[in-house]
C-alpha atoms as a PDB file:
ATOM      1  CA  MET A   1     -35.527   5.607 -35.036  1.00  0.00           C
ATOM      2  CA  ALA A   2     -36.427   4.238 -31.609  1.00  0.00           C
ATOM      3  CA  ASN A   3     -34.855   0.894 -32.475  1.00  0.00           C
ATOM      4  CA  ASP A   4     -31.568   2.609 -33.431  1.00  0.00           C
ATOM      5  CA  PHE A   5     -31.500   4.512 -30.141  1.00  0.00           C
ATOM      6  CA  PHE A   6     -32.204   1.354 -28.160  1.00  0.00           C
ATOM      7  CA  MET A   7     -29.477  -0.545 -30.037  1.00  0.00           C
ATOM      8  CA  TRP A   8     -26.873   2.159 -29.301  1.00  0.00           C
ATOM      9  CA  PHE A   9     -28.056   2.326 -25.692  1.00  0.00           C
ATOM     10  CA  ILE A  10     -27.489  -1.430 -25.295  1.00  0.00           C
ATOM     11  CA  ILE A  11     -24.081  -1.260 -27.014  1.00  0.00           C
ATOM     12  CA  PHE A  12     -23.053   1.622 -24.742  1.00  0.00           C
ATOM     13  CA  TRP A  13     -24.002  -0.285 -21.575  1.00  0.00           C
ATOM     14  CA  VAL A  14     -22.301  -3.464 -22.800  1.00  0.00           C
ATOM     15  CA  CYS A  15     -19.087  -1.455 -23.250  1.00  0.00           C
ATOM     16  CA  VAL A  16     -19.452   0.162 -19.815  1.00  0.00           C
ATOM     17  CA  LEU A  17     -20.049  -3.186 -18.129  1.00  0.00           C
ATOM     18  CA  LEU A  18     -17.104  -4.794 -19.928  1.00  0.00           C
ATOM     19  CA  PHE A  19     -14.884  -1.924 -18.811  1.00  0.00           C
ATOM     20  CA  PHE A  20     -15.930  -2.226 -15.157  1.00  0.00           C
ATOM     21  CA  MET A  21     -15.581  -6.018 -15.190  1.00  0.00           C
ATOM     22  CA  SER A  22     -12.094  -5.655 -16.691  1.00  0.00           C
ATOM     23  CA  VAL A  23     -11.021  -3.197 -14.014  1.00  0.00           C
ATOM     24  CA  GLY A  24     -12.432  -5.418 -11.261  1.00  0.00           C
ATOM     25  CA  GLY A  25     -10.798  -8.486 -12.786  1.00  0.00           C
ATOM     26  CA  PHE A  26      -7.449  -6.706 -12.905  1.00  0.00           C
ATOM     27  CA  PHE A  27      -7.549  -5.936  -9.185  1.00  0.00           C
ATOM     28  CA  MET A  28      -8.777  -9.424  -8.336  1.00  0.00           C
ATOM     29  CA  PHE A  29      -5.903 -10.909 -10.352  1.00  0.00           C
ATOM     30  CA  ARG A  30      -3.388  -8.699  -8.499  1.00  0.00           C
ATOM     31  CA  LYS A  31      -4.804  -9.918  -5.182  1.00  0.00           C
ATOM     32  CA  PHE A  32      -4.608 -13.524  -6.451  1.00  0.00           C
ATOM     33  CA  LEU A  33      -0.910 -13.054  -7.267  1.00  0.00           C
ATOM     34  CA  LYS A  34      -0.242 -11.881  -3.696  1.00  0.00           C
ATOM     35  CA  VAL A  35      -1.755 -15.088  -2.318  1.00  0.00           C
ATOM     36  CA  LEU A  36       0.361 -17.435  -4.437  1.00  0.00           C
ATOM     37  CA  PRO A  37       3.214 -19.021  -2.448  1.00  0.00           C
ATOM     38  CA  LYS A  38       6.779 -18.001  -3.252  1.00  0.00           C
ATOM     39  CA  GLU A  39       9.854 -20.260  -3.266  1.00  0.00           C
ATOM     40  CA  ASP A  40       9.902 -20.371   0.546  1.00  0.00           C
ATOM     41  CA  GLY A  41       6.297 -21.632   0.682  1.00  0.00           C
ATOM     42  CA  LYS A  42       4.813 -18.396   2.037  1.00  0.00           C
ATOM     43  CA  SER A  43       2.904 -15.817   0.040  1.00  0.00           C
ATOM     44  CA  LYS A  44       3.416 -12.071   0.147  1.00  0.00           C
ATOM     45  CA  LEU A  45       0.330 -11.755   2.369  1.00  0.00           C
ATOM     46  CA  ASP A  46       1.675 -14.466   4.716  1.00  0.00           C
ATOM     47  CA  TRP A  47       4.901 -12.491   5.126  1.00  0.00           C
ATOM     48  CA  GLN A  48       2.990  -9.256   5.709  1.00  0.00           C
ATOM     49  CA  ASN A  49       0.917 -10.905   8.436  1.00  0.00           C
ATOM     50  CA  HIS A  50       4.075 -12.404   9.949  1.00  0.00           C
ATOM     51  CA  TYR A  51       5.829  -9.033  10.188  1.00  0.00           C
ATOM     52  CA  VAL A  52       2.742  -7.280  11.554  1.00  0.00           C
ATOM     53  CA  ASP A  53       2.250  -9.947  14.234  1.00  0.00           C
ATOM     54  CA  SER A  54       5.956 -10.201  15.096  1.00  0.00           C
ATOM     55  CA  SER A  55       6.380  -6.449  15.500  1.00  0.00           C
ATOM     56  CA  ARG A  56       3.065  -5.698  17.240  1.00  0.00           C
ATOM     57  CA  HIS A  57       4.746  -5.320  20.634  1.00  0.00           C
ATOM     58  CA  LEU A  58       7.267  -2.793  19.234  1.00  0.00           C
ATOM     59  CA  TRP A  59       4.671  -0.183  18.264  1.00  0.00           C
ATOM     60  CA  THR A  60       4.255   2.836  20.530  1.00  0.00           C
ATOM     61  CA  GLU A  61       1.337   5.261  20.499  1.00  0.00           C
ATOM     62  CA  ASP A  62       3.554   7.855  18.799  1.00  0.00           C
ATOM     63  CA  SER A  63       4.521   5.458  16.023  1.00  0.00           C
ATOM     64  CA  LYS A  64       0.871   4.419  15.502  1.00  0.00           C
ATOM     65  CA  VAL A  65      -0.179   8.066  15.206  1.00  0.00           C
ATOM     66  CA  PHE A  66       2.706   8.689  12.801  1.00  0.00           C
ATOM     67  CA  LEU A  67       1.631   5.698  10.685  1.00  0.00           C
ATOM     68  CA  ASP A  68      -1.890   7.128  10.526  1.00  0.00           C
ATOM     69  CA  GLN A  69      -0.402  10.430   9.363  1.00  0.00           C
ATOM     70  CA  LEU A  70       1.634   8.660   6.679  1.00  0.00           C
ATOM     71  CA  VAL A  71      -1.365   6.811   5.231  1.00  0.00           C
ATOM     72  CA  SER A  72      -3.666   9.841   5.347  1.00  0.00           C
ATOM     73  CA  PRO A  73      -3.255  10.689   1.613  1.00  0.00           C
ATOM     74  CA  VAL A  74      -4.433   7.200   0.610  1.00  0.00           C
ATOM     75  CA  PRO A  75      -8.119   7.157  -0.404  1.00  0.00           C
ATOM     76  CA  THR A  76     -10.368   5.908   2.392  1.00  0.00           C
ATOM     77  CA  ALA A  77     -11.444   2.802   0.483  1.00  0.00           C
ATOM     78  CA  PHE A  78      -7.841   1.553   0.267  1.00  0.00           C
ATOM     79  CA  ARG A  79      -6.430   3.010   3.500  1.00  0.00           C
ATOM     80  CA  ASP A  80      -6.749  -0.132   5.653  1.00  0.00           C
ATOM     81  CA  ILE A  81      -4.989  -2.302   3.075  1.00  0.00           C
ATOM     82  CA  ALA A  82      -2.256   0.301   2.573  1.00  0.00           C
ATOM     83  CA  LYS A  83      -1.846   0.724   6.328  1.00  0.00           C
ATOM     84  CA  HIS A  84      -1.419  -3.034   6.782  1.00  0.00           C
ATOM     85  CA  SER A  85       1.192  -3.398   4.036  1.00  0.00           C
ATOM     86  CA  ILE A  86       3.108  -0.300   5.187  1.00  0.00           C
ATOM     87  CA  ALA A  87       2.973  -1.456   8.822  1.00  0.00           C
ATOM     88  CA  ALA A  88       4.320  -4.846   7.722  1.00  0.00           C
ATOM     89  CA  ARG A  89       7.260  -3.210   5.958  1.00  0.00           C
ATOM     90  CA  ILE A  90       7.934  -0.930   8.939  1.00  0.00           C
ATOM     91  CA  GLY A  91       7.786  -3.963  11.235  1.00  0.00           C
ATOM     92  CA  GLN A  92      10.237  -5.790   8.978  1.00  0.00           C
ATOM     93  CA  VAL A  93      12.640  -2.826   9.108  1.00  0.00           C
ATOM     94  CA  ALA A  94      12.372  -2.625  12.913  1.00  0.00           C
ATOM     95  CA  LEU A  95      12.833  -6.376  13.389  1.00  0.00           C
ATOM     96  CA  GLU A  96      15.840  -6.506  11.077  1.00  0.00           C
ATOM     97  CA  ALA A  97      17.375  -3.616  13.019  1.00  0.00           C
ATOM     98  CA  GLN A  98      16.626  -5.531  16.258  1.00  0.00           C
ATOM     99  CA  ALA A  99      15.020  -2.408  17.687  1.00  0.00           C
ATOM    100  CA  ASP A 100      13.293  -2.186  21.049  1.00  0.00           C
ATOM    101  CA  GLN A 101      10.476  -0.121  19.572  1.00  0.00           C
ATOM    102  CA  VAL A 102       9.314   1.274  16.256  1.00  0.00           C
ATOM    103  CA  THR A 103      10.660   4.804  15.821  1.00  0.00           C
ATOM    104  CA  ARG A 104       9.845   7.588  13.378  1.00  0.00           C
ATOM    105  CA  ASP A 105      12.979   6.655  11.430  1.00  0.00           C
ATOM    106  CA  HIS A 106      11.736   3.080  11.038  1.00  0.00           C
ATOM    107  CA  CYS A 107       8.380   4.459   9.914  1.00  0.00           C
ATOM    108  CA  ILE A 108       9.918   6.738   7.282  1.00  0.00           C
ATOM    109  CA  GLU A 109      12.215   4.017   5.943  1.00  0.00           C
ATOM    110  CA  GLY A 110       9.445   1.411   5.871  1.00  0.00           C
ATOM    111  CA  TYR A 111       7.044   3.885   4.272  1.00  0.00           C
ATOM    112  CA  ILE A 112       9.516   4.584   1.467  1.00  0.00           C
ATOM    113  CA  LEU A 113      10.292   0.877   0.971  1.00  0.00           C
ATOM    114  CA  ALA A 114       6.582  -0.061   0.930  1.00  0.00           C
ATOM    115  CA  THR A 115       5.716   2.602  -1.638  1.00  0.00           C
ATOM    116  CA  PRO A 116       5.903   1.595  -5.318  1.00  0.00           C
ATOM    117  CA  LYS A 117       8.428   3.517  -7.414  1.00  0.00           C
ATOM    118  CA  ARG A 118       5.655   5.033  -9.535  1.00  0.00           C
ATOM    119  CA  ASP A 119       4.382   6.878  -6.438  1.00  0.00           C
ATOM    120  CA  TYR A 120       7.715   8.367  -5.304  1.00  0.00           C
ATOM    121  CA  LYS A 121       6.834  11.833  -6.620  1.00  0.00           C
ATOM    122  CA  SER A 122       3.631  12.030  -4.575  1.00  0.00           C
ATOM    123  CA  LEU A 123       5.430  10.440  -1.595  1.00  0.00           C
ATOM    124  CA  THR A 124       8.169  13.080  -1.563  1.00  0.00           C
ATOM    125  CA  SER A 125       5.693  15.938  -2.041  1.00  0.00           C
ATOM    126  CA  PHE A 126       3.602  14.595   0.863  1.00  0.00           C
ATOM    127  CA  LEU A 127       6.665  14.285   3.128  1.00  0.00           C
ATOM    128  CA  GLU A 128       7.765  17.813   2.225  1.00  0.00           C
ATOM    129  CA  LYS A 129       4.267  19.206   2.792  1.00  0.00           C
ATOM    130  CA  GLN A 130       4.195  17.564   6.230  1.00  0.00           C
ATOM    131  CA  ALA A 131       7.719  18.904   6.986  1.00  0.00           C
ATOM    132  CA  ILE A 132       9.051  15.371   7.557  1.00  0.00           C
ATOM    133  CA  ASP A 133      12.807  15.113   7.074  1.00  0.00           C
ATOM    134  CA  TYR A 134      13.573  12.158   4.820  1.00  0.00           C
ATOM    135  CA  SER A 135      17.057  13.294   3.719  1.00  0.00           C
ATOM    136  CA  ALA A 136      18.710  10.260   5.350  1.00  0.00           C
ATOM    137  CA  TYR A 137      16.623   7.990   3.100  1.00  0.00           C
ATOM    138  CA  LYS A 138      16.954   9.752  -0.266  1.00  0.00           C
ATOM    139  CA  HIS A 139      19.177   6.885  -1.451  1.00  0.00           C
ATOM    140  CA  LEU A 140      16.133   4.589  -1.216  1.00  0.00           C
ATOM    141  CA  LEU A 141      14.260   6.779  -3.701  1.00  0.00           C
ATOM    142  CA  GLN A 142      16.716   6.063  -6.517  1.00  0.00           C
END
């Protein structure tokens, strides 16, 4: 009887450990794919760093506070990573528009473009809850 319990206990923990290692491996593999160079020789992370560094002087205090508001629904453990990738996309939008500073419109457009399609429902509900007008960018949500 005790041996059966111990055997099932070990099998249970083997399954739990395999599950957690699989989940961790999945996220490590996704991170690995971001580091691989594209056709132009730069990886996705290289481009993100480029846009963040190139647009650093365009950010105002208002736009930084607005970015913090936009990333507030992201869980704390992932907030810094999300903030960096969203800031990179916002910086890209501002640089391509040749703007003098990052505005709320750049932030909204970059936030929508940086968000995966699977999260559009939560994105729109968050923007509506915060009373942020995104009607000019509804075409990006298609």
